[in-house]
N, C-alpha and C. Protein backbone atom coordinates (compact mmCIF):
# COMPACT_ATOMS: atom_id res chain seq x y z
N MET A 1 -11.78 27.36 -25.37
CA MET A 1 -13.22 26.96 -25.25
C MET A 1 -13.90 26.74 -26.52
N ARG A 2 -14.61 25.67 -26.67
CA ARG A 2 -15.43 25.39 -27.82
C ARG A 2 -16.86 26.25 -27.89
N ASN A 3 -17.03 26.79 -28.96
CA ASN A 3 -18.04 27.81 -29.09
C ASN A 3 -19.29 27.08 -28.65
N GLY A 4 -20.01 27.81 -27.62
CA GLY A 4 -21.21 27.44 -27.03
C GLY A 4 -21.22 26.19 -26.09
N ALA A 5 -19.93 25.61 -25.75
CA ALA A 5 -19.89 24.35 -24.96
C ALA A 5 -20.20 24.83 -23.63
N LEU A 6 -20.86 23.90 -22.84
CA LEU A 6 -20.96 23.93 -21.42
C LEU A 6 -19.59 23.57 -20.67
N ARG A 7 -18.94 24.55 -19.99
CA ARG A 7 -17.71 24.14 -19.40
C ARG A 7 -18.06 23.49 -18.06
N VAL A 8 -17.34 22.46 -17.78
CA VAL A 8 -17.47 21.68 -16.49
C VAL A 8 -16.13 21.49 -15.86
N ALA A 9 -15.97 21.78 -14.49
CA ALA A 9 -15.03 21.31 -13.72
C ALA A 9 -15.16 20.32 -12.54
N VAL A 10 -14.27 19.43 -12.46
CA VAL A 10 -14.71 18.53 -11.36
C VAL A 10 -13.82 18.92 -10.09
N VAL A 11 -14.47 18.91 -8.85
CA VAL A 11 -13.91 19.27 -7.65
C VAL A 11 -14.02 17.98 -6.86
N GLY A 12 -12.92 17.41 -6.48
CA GLY A 12 -12.73 16.14 -5.87
C GLY A 12 -12.58 15.04 -6.86
N CYS A 13 -11.31 14.37 -6.79
CA CYS A 13 -11.15 13.36 -8.01
C CYS A 13 -11.10 11.92 -7.43
N GLY A 14 -11.79 11.55 -6.56
CA GLY A 14 -11.83 10.34 -6.07
C GLY A 14 -12.42 9.44 -7.07
N ASN A 15 -12.93 8.14 -6.51
CA ASN A 15 -13.28 7.19 -7.36
C ASN A 15 -14.30 7.40 -8.35
N ILE A 16 -15.32 8.10 -7.93
CA ILE A 16 -16.41 8.55 -8.98
C ILE A 16 -15.97 9.40 -10.11
N SER A 17 -14.88 10.12 -9.99
CA SER A 17 -14.48 11.18 -10.98
C SER A 17 -14.21 10.65 -12.43
N GLY A 18 -13.73 9.28 -12.51
CA GLY A 18 -13.42 8.47 -13.62
C GLY A 18 -14.59 8.38 -14.48
N PRO A 19 -15.65 7.82 -13.96
CA PRO A 19 -16.99 7.78 -14.71
C PRO A 19 -17.53 8.96 -14.95
N TYR A 20 -17.30 10.06 -14.14
CA TYR A 20 -17.90 11.33 -14.40
C TYR A 20 -17.17 11.82 -15.81
N GLY A 21 -15.92 11.74 -15.80
CA GLY A 21 -15.03 12.11 -16.86
C GLY A 21 -15.60 11.42 -18.10
N GLU A 22 -15.79 10.17 -18.09
CA GLU A 22 -16.17 9.40 -19.22
C GLU A 22 -17.47 9.78 -19.79
N THR A 23 -18.48 10.04 -18.82
CA THR A 23 -19.80 10.35 -19.21
C THR A 23 -19.56 11.93 -19.85
N LEU A 24 -19.09 12.85 -19.21
CA LEU A 24 -19.01 14.18 -19.68
C LEU A 24 -18.32 14.14 -21.04
N GLY A 25 -17.19 13.39 -21.06
CA GLY A 25 -16.43 13.37 -22.42
C GLY A 25 -17.35 13.01 -23.62
N ALA A 26 -18.24 12.24 -23.46
CA ALA A 26 -19.13 11.70 -24.40
C ALA A 26 -19.92 12.70 -25.12
N TYR A 27 -20.23 13.69 -24.49
CA TYR A 27 -20.96 14.72 -25.05
C TYR A 27 -20.22 16.04 -25.71
N PRO A 28 -20.37 16.14 -27.03
CA PRO A 28 -19.52 17.33 -27.76
C PRO A 28 -19.92 18.61 -27.20
N ALA A 29 -21.17 18.78 -26.59
CA ALA A 29 -21.44 20.07 -26.19
C ALA A 29 -20.97 20.44 -24.74
N ILE A 30 -20.21 19.45 -24.21
CA ILE A 30 -19.58 19.70 -22.69
C ILE A 30 -18.16 19.72 -22.91
N GLU A 31 -17.46 20.75 -22.35
CA GLU A 31 -15.97 20.94 -22.29
C GLU A 31 -15.60 20.73 -20.81
N ILE A 32 -14.62 19.68 -20.61
CA ILE A 32 -14.14 19.53 -19.33
C ILE A 32 -12.93 20.46 -19.19
N ALA A 33 -13.30 21.60 -18.51
CA ALA A 33 -12.24 22.72 -18.22
C ALA A 33 -11.26 22.35 -17.22
N GLY A 34 -11.30 21.40 -16.34
CA GLY A 34 -10.27 20.97 -15.71
C GLY A 34 -10.80 20.36 -14.34
N ALA A 35 -9.85 20.26 -13.30
CA ALA A 35 -10.14 19.55 -12.07
C ALA A 35 -9.37 20.10 -10.75
N THR A 36 -9.64 19.98 -9.60
CA THR A 36 -8.96 20.14 -8.42
C THR A 36 -9.27 19.06 -7.37
N ASP A 37 -8.22 18.99 -6.54
CA ASP A 37 -8.40 18.04 -5.46
C ASP A 37 -7.33 18.31 -4.45
N VAL A 38 -7.64 18.07 -3.09
CA VAL A 38 -6.49 18.29 -2.13
C VAL A 38 -5.44 17.40 -2.37
N ASP A 39 -5.55 16.27 -3.06
CA ASP A 39 -4.48 15.27 -3.45
C ASP A 39 -4.07 15.69 -4.97
N ARG A 40 -3.21 16.59 -4.97
CA ARG A 40 -2.87 17.00 -6.43
C ARG A 40 -2.56 16.07 -7.39
N ALA A 41 -2.11 14.60 -6.89
CA ALA A 41 -1.92 13.73 -7.89
C ALA A 41 -3.19 13.17 -8.43
N LEU A 42 -4.16 13.28 -7.77
CA LEU A 42 -5.61 12.86 -8.27
C LEU A 42 -6.07 13.65 -9.40
N SER A 43 -5.91 15.18 -9.06
CA SER A 43 -6.39 15.76 -10.18
C SER A 43 -5.52 15.92 -11.33
N ALA A 44 -4.17 15.76 -11.25
CA ALA A 44 -3.31 15.70 -12.28
C ALA A 44 -3.49 14.41 -13.16
N GLU A 45 -3.94 13.39 -12.54
CA GLU A 45 -4.29 12.15 -13.19
C GLU A 45 -5.65 12.30 -14.02
N PHE A 46 -6.62 13.08 -13.25
CA PHE A 46 -7.83 13.22 -13.99
C PHE A 46 -7.65 14.10 -15.42
N VAL A 47 -6.80 15.13 -15.13
CA VAL A 47 -6.68 16.13 -16.38
C VAL A 47 -5.88 15.34 -17.52
N GLU A 48 -5.03 14.64 -17.13
CA GLU A 48 -4.22 13.81 -17.97
C GLU A 48 -5.03 12.85 -18.82
N ARG A 49 -6.02 12.34 -18.20
CA ARG A 49 -6.84 11.39 -19.00
C ARG A 49 -8.03 12.12 -19.57
N PHE A 50 -8.56 13.11 -19.00
CA PHE A 50 -9.73 13.99 -19.74
C PHE A 50 -9.69 15.27 -20.19
N GLY A 51 -8.38 15.76 -19.90
CA GLY A 51 -8.11 17.04 -20.49
C GLY A 51 -8.56 18.13 -19.38
N GLY A 52 -8.08 19.58 -19.85
CA GLY A 52 -8.38 20.68 -18.99
C GLY A 52 -7.15 21.05 -18.12
N ILE A 53 -7.38 21.88 -17.16
CA ILE A 53 -6.21 22.46 -16.22
C ILE A 53 -6.31 21.85 -14.94
N ASP A 54 -5.11 21.43 -14.58
CA ASP A 54 -4.99 20.85 -12.97
C ASP A 54 -4.96 22.12 -12.28
N TYR A 55 -5.97 22.52 -11.67
CA TYR A 55 -6.06 23.60 -10.76
C TYR A 55 -5.55 23.40 -9.47
N SER A 56 -4.84 24.24 -8.83
CA SER A 56 -3.94 24.12 -7.63
C SER A 56 -5.17 24.28 -6.47
N SER A 57 -6.11 25.01 -6.66
CA SER A 57 -7.04 24.95 -5.46
C SER A 57 -8.44 25.38 -6.12
N LEU A 58 -9.30 25.33 -5.18
CA LEU A 58 -10.81 25.60 -5.54
C LEU A 58 -10.91 27.02 -5.88
N ASP A 59 -10.14 27.87 -5.11
CA ASP A 59 -10.23 29.28 -5.51
C ASP A 59 -9.81 29.45 -6.85
N GLU A 60 -8.61 28.98 -7.23
CA GLU A 60 -8.23 29.06 -8.59
C GLU A 60 -9.11 28.78 -9.43
N LEU A 61 -9.60 27.55 -9.47
CA LEU A 61 -10.81 26.95 -10.26
C LEU A 61 -11.94 28.07 -10.38
N LEU A 62 -12.41 28.46 -9.38
CA LEU A 62 -13.48 29.28 -9.55
C LEU A 62 -13.21 30.79 -10.09
N GLY A 63 -11.80 31.08 -9.91
CA GLY A 63 -11.47 32.31 -10.48
C GLY A 63 -11.41 32.23 -12.02
N ASP A 64 -11.19 31.08 -12.51
CA ASP A 64 -11.05 30.91 -13.98
C ASP A 64 -12.55 30.99 -14.41
């Protein structure tokens, strides 16, 4: 974690998640912590593109 960064995770990696990732990634004070989706391929694609952890479930994401 970057010092003082706001950590953000995406829940649901459908069509709008790409623009969210691009927008969030443009701000140095925001760290993309990861993502989760019921379709694991979508969350894997998101974190490959924007970084973070591909969480297997919402519970795992919230636990982190």
